[in-house]
Amino acid sequence: MNPILVVNDDSSLLADITKILKEGGYFHIAASSGQQALTMASGYDFPLAILDLKLADMDGDELYQKLLKSESHYTLPVVALVDSLDAEEVAVVNRLLPQGQVTLLSKPLKREWLEDLFERYGEKKS
């Protein structure tokens, strides 16, 4: 099975998203930093990545590029989580958009948005 990847340095938001994934029975990997995500991601082809745009150790677009390079044979739809679209987030979004299929979701996230994404992209555990 290929897991959904969730990367966010806000521990509360990460816990909320993973709770919805667990309740739905979806296979997933959660990380609180870009480096942790890269370490955990080895060997997986993710059907979807939910990335924070501004992680403490790297921006979301940098993480996305590194994920694609690690598994160069696939495309990776990404959901970028945005707060207020300040100048820094806009810069990251502008670098991210040309790289692939990107959906923007604003915080606070709505459960139904996530459930819809997980249903479309996720694989349920047996």
N, C-alpha and C. Protein backbone atom coordinates (compact mmCIF):
# COMPACT_ATOMS: atom_id res chain seq x y z
N MET A 1 0.83 -1.18 0.00
CA MET A 1 0.00 0.00 0.00
C MET A 1 0.87 1.24 0.00
N ASN A 2 0.37 2.28 -0.64
CA ASN A 2 1.07 3.55 -0.67
C ASN A 2 0.36 4.55 0.24
N PRO A 3 1.08 5.08 1.22
CA PRO A 3 0.45 5.95 2.21
C PRO A 3 0.31 7.39 1.73
N ILE A 4 -0.62 8.09 2.35
CA ILE A 4 -0.70 9.54 2.22
C ILE A 4 0.36 10.12 3.14
N LEU A 5 1.09 11.11 2.66
CA LEU A 5 2.12 11.76 3.45
C LEU A 5 1.57 13.07 4.01
N VAL A 6 1.72 13.26 5.31
CA VAL A 6 1.30 14.50 5.97
C VAL A 6 2.51 15.08 6.69
N VAL A 7 2.85 16.33 6.36
CA VAL A 7 4.01 16.97 6.99
C VAL A 7 3.58 18.35 7.49
N ASN A 8 3.68 18.53 8.81
CA ASN A 8 3.33 19.82 9.40
C ASN A 8 4.07 19.96 10.72
N ASP A 9 4.63 21.13 10.97
CA ASP A 9 5.36 21.34 12.23
C ASP A 9 4.46 21.86 13.35
N ASP A 10 3.18 22.03 13.07
CA ASP A 10 2.19 22.37 14.10
C ASP A 10 1.65 21.04 14.64
N SER A 11 2.09 20.67 15.83
CA SER A 11 1.76 19.34 16.36
C SER A 11 0.25 19.14 16.53
N SER A 12 -0.47 20.18 16.86
CA SER A 12 -1.92 20.07 17.02
C SER A 12 -2.60 19.79 15.68
N LEU A 13 -2.21 20.53 14.66
CA LEU A 13 -2.79 20.33 13.33
C LEU A 13 -2.40 18.96 12.77
N LEU A 14 -1.16 18.55 12.98
CA LEU A 14 -0.72 17.24 12.53
C LEU A 14 -1.54 16.14 13.20
N ALA A 15 -1.79 16.31 14.50
CA ALA A 15 -2.59 15.32 15.24
C ALA A 15 -4.03 15.29 14.73
N ASP A 16 -4.60 16.46 14.41
CA ASP A 16 -5.97 16.51 13.89
C ASP A 16 -6.09 15.79 12.55
N ILE A 17 -5.13 16.03 11.67
CA ILE A 17 -5.17 15.41 10.34
C ILE A 17 -4.98 13.90 10.46
N THR A 18 -4.01 13.48 11.26
CA THR A 18 -3.76 12.04 11.39
C THR A 18 -4.93 11.34 12.09
N LYS A 19 -5.62 12.03 12.97
CA LYS A 19 -6.79 11.44 13.62
C LYS A 19 -7.86 11.11 12.57
N ILE A 20 -8.08 12.03 11.64
CA ILE A 20 -9.07 11.79 10.58
C ILE A 20 -8.63 10.63 9.70
N LEU A 21 -7.34 10.56 9.39
CA LEU A 21 -6.82 9.44 8.60
C LEU A 21 -7.01 8.12 9.33
N LYS A 22 -6.69 8.09 10.62
CA LYS A 22 -6.84 6.86 11.40
C LYS A 22 -8.30 6.44 11.49
N GLU A 23 -9.18 7.39 11.76
CA GLU A 23 -10.60 7.08 11.86
C GLU A 23 -11.15 6.52 10.55
N GLY A 24 -10.61 7.00 9.43
CA GLY A 24 -11.05 6.51 8.13
C GLY A 24 -10.36 5.22 7.71
N GLY A 25 -9.35 4.80 8.48
CA GLY A 25 -8.64 3.57 8.16
C GLY A 25 -7.64 3.72 7.03
N TYR A 26 -7.14 4.93 6.80
CA TYR A 26 -6.23 5.18 5.68
C TYR A 26 -4.78 4.95 6.10
N PHE A 27 -4.03 4.35 5.19
CA PHE A 27 -2.60 4.15 5.35
C PHE A 27 -1.94 5.52 5.20
N HIS A 28 -1.10 5.92 6.14
CA HIS A 28 -0.48 7.24 6.09
C HIS A 28 0.84 7.27 6.86
N ILE A 29 1.61 8.29 6.57
CA ILE A 29 2.84 8.59 7.29
C ILE A 29 2.76 10.06 7.68
N ALA A 30 3.06 10.35 8.95
CA ALA A 30 3.03 11.72 9.44
C ALA A 30 4.43 12.12 9.91
N ALA A 31 4.82 13.35 9.58
CA ALA A 31 6.13 13.86 9.98
C ALA A 31 5.99 15.31 10.42
N SER A 32 6.85 15.70 11.35
CA SER A 32 6.78 17.07 11.86
C SER A 32 7.86 17.98 11.29
N SER A 33 8.67 17.46 10.38
CA SER A 33 9.70 18.28 9.73
C SER A 33 9.95 17.72 8.33
N GLY A 34 10.57 18.54 7.50
CA GLY A 34 10.90 18.09 6.16
C GLY A 34 11.89 16.95 6.18
N GLN A 35 12.93 17.07 7.02
CA GLN A 35 13.94 16.02 7.09
C GLN A 35 13.36 14.71 7.60
N GLN A 36 12.49 14.78 8.58
CA GLN A 36 11.84 13.57 9.09
C GLN A 36 11.00 12.93 7.97
N ALA A 37 10.30 13.74 7.20
CA ALA A 37 9.50 13.22 6.10
C ALA A 37 10.38 12.52 5.07
N LEU A 38 11.50 13.11 4.74
CA LEU A 38 12.39 12.50 3.75
C LEU A 38 12.96 11.17 4.26
N THR A 39 13.29 11.12 5.52
CA THR A 39 13.80 9.88 6.11
C THR A 39 12.75 8.78 6.08
N MET A 40 11.52 9.13 6.43
CA MET A 40 10.43 8.16 6.48
C MET A 40 9.91 7.78 5.10
N ALA A 41 10.15 8.64 4.11
CA ALA A 41 9.53 8.47 2.79
C ALA A 41 10.23 7.45 1.90
N SER A 42 11.40 7.06 2.25
CA SER A 42 12.19 6.18 1.39
C SER A 42 11.41 4.94 0.96
N GLY A 43 11.31 4.76 -0.35
CA GLY A 43 10.68 3.56 -0.91
C GLY A 43 9.19 3.66 -1.14
N TYR A 44 8.57 4.75 -0.77
CA TYR A 44 7.12 4.89 -0.96
C TYR A 44 6.80 5.75 -2.18
N ASP A 45 5.73 5.42 -2.84
CA ASP A 45 5.15 6.26 -3.88
C ASP A 45 3.85 6.80 -3.30
N PHE A 46 3.86 8.03 -2.87
CA PHE A 46 2.70 8.60 -2.22
C PHE A 46 1.63 8.99 -3.24
N PRO A 47 0.37 8.66 -2.98
CA PRO A 47 -0.70 9.10 -3.87
C PRO A 47 -1.05 10.56 -3.63
N LEU A 48 -0.64 11.09 -2.45
CA LEU A 48 -0.96 12.47 -2.07
C LEU A 48 -0.03 12.89 -0.95
N ALA A 49 0.41 14.16 -1.00
CA ALA A 49 1.18 14.74 0.10
C ALA A 49 0.47 16.00 0.57
N ILE A 50 0.32 16.11 1.87
CA ILE A 50 -0.26 17.30 2.48
C ILE A 50 0.89 18.00 3.21
N LEU A 51 1.31 19.14 2.67
CA LEU A 51 2.51 19.81 3.15
C LEU A 51 2.23 21.19 3.70
N ASP A 52 2.87 21.48 4.80
CA ASP A 52 2.90 22.84 5.32
C ASP A 52 3.85 23.63 4.42
N LEU A 53 3.49 24.84 4.05
CA LEU A 53 4.36 25.63 3.17
C LEU A 53 5.62 26.10 3.86
N LYS A 54 5.53 26.39 5.15
CA LYS A 54 6.68 26.92 5.88
C LYS A 54 7.01 26.01 7.06
N LEU A 55 7.89 25.07 6.81
CA LEU A 55 8.39 24.21 7.88
C LEU A 55 9.63 24.86 8.49
N ALA A 56 9.98 24.47 9.69
CA ALA A 56 11.14 25.07 10.35
C ALA A 56 12.44 24.78 9.60
N ASP A 57 12.54 23.58 8.99
CA ASP A 57 13.81 23.20 8.37
C ASP A 57 13.86 23.38 6.86
N MET A 58 12.72 23.55 6.20
CA MET A 58 12.71 23.80 4.75
C MET A 58 11.31 24.22 4.33
N ASP A 59 11.24 24.92 3.21
CA ASP A 59 9.94 25.30 2.68
C ASP A 59 9.29 24.11 1.99
N GLY A 60 7.98 24.16 1.86
CA GLY A 60 7.22 23.07 1.26
C GLY A 60 7.64 22.74 -0.15
N ASP A 61 8.00 23.76 -0.95
CA ASP A 61 8.42 23.49 -2.33
C ASP A 61 9.75 22.75 -2.37
N GLU A 62 10.65 23.05 -1.44
CA GLU A 62 11.93 22.33 -1.38
C GLU A 62 11.71 20.87 -1.00
N LEU A 63 10.85 20.64 -0.03
CA LEU A 63 10.52 19.27 0.35
C LEU A 63 9.89 18.52 -0.82
N TYR A 64 8.97 19.16 -1.51
CA TYR A 64 8.31 18.55 -2.66
C TYR A 64 9.33 18.13 -3.71
N GLN A 65 10.28 19.02 -4.03
CA GLN A 65 11.32 18.69 -5.02
C GLN A 65 12.15 17.49 -4.57
N LYS A 66 12.50 17.44 -3.30
CA LYS A 66 13.31 16.34 -2.79
C LYS A 66 12.52 15.03 -2.81
N LEU A 67 11.23 15.09 -2.54
CA LEU A 67 10.40 13.89 -2.62
C LEU A 67 10.34 13.37 -4.05
N LEU A 68 10.15 14.28 -5.00
CA LEU A 68 10.10 13.87 -6.41
C LEU A 68 11.42 13.27 -6.87
N LYS A 69 12.53 13.86 -6.44
CA LYS A 69 13.85 13.34 -6.83
C LYS A 69 14.11 11.97 -6.23
N SER A 70 13.58 11.72 -5.03
CA SER A 70 13.84 10.44 -4.39
C SER A 70 13.12 9.30 -5.10
N GLU A 71 12.01 9.59 -5.73
CA GLU A 71 11.25 8.59 -6.50
C GLU A 71 10.90 9.22 -7.84
N SER A 72 11.86 9.28 -8.73
CA SER A 72 11.75 10.08 -9.95
C SER A 72 10.74 9.57 -10.97
N HIS A 73 10.15 8.42 -10.74
CA HIS A 73 9.26 7.83 -11.74
C HIS A 73 7.78 8.15 -11.51
N TYR A 74 7.47 9.00 -10.57
CA TYR A 74 6.06 9.26 -10.32
C TYR A 74 5.76 10.74 -10.18
N THR A 75 4.48 11.07 -10.32
CA THR A 75 4.03 12.42 -10.05
C THR A 75 3.33 12.42 -8.69
N LEU A 76 3.37 13.52 -8.03
CA LEU A 76 2.87 13.58 -6.67
C LEU A 76 1.92 14.76 -6.51
N PRO A 77 0.61 14.50 -6.46
CA PRO A 77 -0.32 15.59 -6.15
C PRO A 77 -0.05 16.09 -4.73
N VAL A 78 -0.09 17.39 -4.56
CA VAL A 78 0.21 17.96 -3.26
C VAL A 78 -0.89 18.93 -2.85
N VAL A 79 -1.20 18.90 -1.56
CA VAL A 79 -2.10 19.87 -0.95
C VAL A 79 -1.21 20.74 -0.07
N ALA A 80 -1.17 22.03 -0.38
CA ALA A 80 -0.38 22.96 0.40
C ALA A 80 -1.28 23.67 1.39
N LEU A 81 -0.89 23.65 2.65
CA LEU A 81 -1.66 24.29 3.71
C LEU A 81 -1.18 25.72 3.89
N VAL A 82 -2.10 26.67 3.82
CA VAL A 82 -1.73 28.07 3.91
C VAL A 82 -2.44 28.74 5.08
N ASP A 83 -1.75 29.68 5.69
CA ASP A 83 -2.33 30.45 6.79
C ASP A 83 -3.00 31.70 6.24
N SER A 84 -2.20 32.66 5.87
CA SER A 84 -2.74 33.96 5.47
C SER A 84 -2.26 34.39 4.10
N LEU A 85 -1.48 33.56 3.46
CA LEU A 85 -0.84 33.91 2.19
C LEU A 85 -0.09 35.22 2.30
N ASP A 86 0.80 35.28 3.29
CA ASP A 86 1.69 36.42 3.40
C ASP A 86 2.72 36.34 2.27
N ALA A 87 3.58 37.32 2.18
CA ALA A 87 4.54 37.38 1.07
C ALA A 87 5.41 36.13 0.99
N GLU A 88 5.82 35.60 2.14
CA GLU A 88 6.65 34.40 2.15
C GLU A 88 5.89 33.19 1.61
N GLU A 89 4.64 33.02 2.02
CA GLU A 89 3.83 31.90 1.52
C GLU A 89 3.55 32.04 0.03
N VAL A 90 3.28 33.26 -0.43
CA VAL A 90 3.04 33.49 -1.85
C VAL A 90 4.27 33.09 -2.66
N ALA A 91 5.46 33.43 -2.16
CA ALA A 91 6.69 33.06 -2.85
C ALA A 91 6.83 31.54 -2.95
N VAL A 92 6.53 30.82 -1.86
CA VAL A 92 6.60 29.36 -1.88
C VAL A 92 5.57 28.79 -2.85
N VAL A 93 4.35 29.29 -2.81
CA VAL A 93 3.29 28.83 -3.72
C VAL A 93 3.72 29.05 -5.17
N ASN A 94 4.29 30.21 -5.47
CA ASN A 94 4.72 30.51 -6.84
C ASN A 94 5.83 29.58 -7.31
N ARG A 95 6.67 29.12 -6.39
CA ARG A 95 7.71 28.15 -6.76
C ARG A 95 7.14 26.75 -6.88
N LEU A 96 6.10 26.47 -6.13
CA LEU A 96 5.50 25.13 -6.08
C LEU A 96 4.58 24.86 -7.27
N LEU A 97 3.79 25.83 -7.65
CA LEU A 97 2.77 25.62 -8.69
C LEU A 97 3.30 25.05 -10.01
N PRO A 98 4.41 25.54 -10.54
CA PRO A 98 4.89 24.99 -11.82
C PRO A 98 5.39 23.54 -11.74
N GLN A 99 5.59 23.03 -10.53
CA GLN A 99 6.19 21.72 -10.36
C GLN A 99 5.20 20.57 -10.47
N GLY A 100 3.92 20.83 -10.33
CA GLY A 100 2.99 19.71 -10.38
C GLY A 100 1.58 20.10 -10.01
N GLN A 101 0.80 19.10 -9.69
CA GLN A 101 -0.61 19.27 -9.33
C GLN A 101 -0.71 19.75 -7.89
N VAL A 102 -1.15 21.00 -7.71
CA VAL A 102 -1.18 21.61 -6.39
C VAL A 102 -2.59 22.10 -6.06
N THR A 103 -3.04 21.76 -4.87
CA THR A 103 -4.29 22.27 -4.32
C THR A 103 -3.94 23.06 -3.08
N LEU A 104 -4.53 24.24 -2.92
CA LEU A 104 -4.31 25.04 -1.73
C LEU A 104 -5.50 24.91 -0.80
N LEU A 105 -5.22 24.67 0.47
CA LEU A 105 -6.26 24.65 1.50
C LEU A 105 -5.88 25.64 2.58
N SER A 106 -6.83 26.48 2.95
CA SER A 106 -6.55 27.47 3.98
C SER A 106 -6.87 26.91 5.36
N LYS A 107 -6.10 27.37 6.32
CA LYS A 107 -6.34 27.01 7.71
C LYS A 107 -7.33 28.01 8.28
N PRO A 108 -8.22 27.66 9.14
CA PRO A 108 -8.39 26.31 9.70
C PRO A 108 -9.01 25.36 8.68
N LEU A 109 -8.55 24.14 8.71
CA LEU A 109 -9.03 23.12 7.78
C LEU A 109 -10.41 22.62 8.21
N LYS A 110 -11.19 22.28 7.22
CA LYS A 110 -12.50 21.68 7.50
C LYS A 110 -12.38 20.18 7.31
N ARG A 111 -12.95 19.44 8.22
CA ARG A 111 -12.90 17.98 8.19
C ARG A 111 -13.38 17.42 6.85
N GLU A 112 -14.47 17.98 6.31
CA GLU A 112 -15.03 17.45 5.07
C GLU A 112 -14.07 17.64 3.89
N TRP A 113 -13.26 18.70 3.90
CA TRP A 113 -12.26 18.87 2.84
C TRP A 113 -11.27 17.72 2.88
N LEU A 114 -10.79 17.41 4.07
CA LEU A 114 -9.81 16.33 4.23
C LEU A 114 -10.42 14.98 3.90
N GLU A 115 -11.62 14.73 4.37
CA GLU A 115 -12.26 13.45 4.09
C GLU A 115 -12.44 13.24 2.59
N ASP A 116 -12.78 14.30 1.87
CA ASP A 116 -12.92 14.20 0.42
C ASP A 116 -11.59 13.86 -0.24
N LEU A 117 -10.53 14.51 0.16
CA LEU A 117 -9.20 14.22 -0.39
C LEU A 117 -8.78 12.79 -0.09
N PHE A 118 -8.98 12.36 1.16
CA PHE A 118 -8.56 11.02 1.55
C PHE A 118 -9.34 9.96 0.78
N GLU A 119 -10.61 10.22 0.56
CA GLU A 119 -11.43 9.26 -0.18
C GLU A 119 -10.96 9.16 -1.64
N ARG A 120 -10.58 10.28 -2.22
CA ARG A 120 -10.14 10.28 -3.62
C ARG A 120 -8.75 9.68 -3.80
N TYR A 121 -7.85 9.92 -2.86
CA TYR A 121 -6.44 9.54 -3.06
C TYR A 121 -5.97 8.37 -2.18
N GLY A 122 -6.62 8.16 -1.05
CA GLY A 122 -6.09 7.22 -0.08
C GLY A 122 -6.42 5.77 -0.33
N GLU A 123 -5.63 4.94 0.30
CA GLU A 123 -5.87 3.49 0.31
C GLU A 123 -6.18 3.11 1.76
N LYS A 124 -7.25 2.36 1.92
CA LYS A 124 -7.61 1.93 3.27
C LYS A 124 -6.86 0.67 3.65
N LYS A 125 -6.56 0.59 4.93
CA LYS A 125 -5.90 -0.60 5.44
C LYS A 125 -6.88 -1.76 5.38
N SER A 126 -6.36 -2.94 5.18
CA SER A 126 -7.22 -4.13 5.11
C SER A 126 -7.71 -4.54 6.48
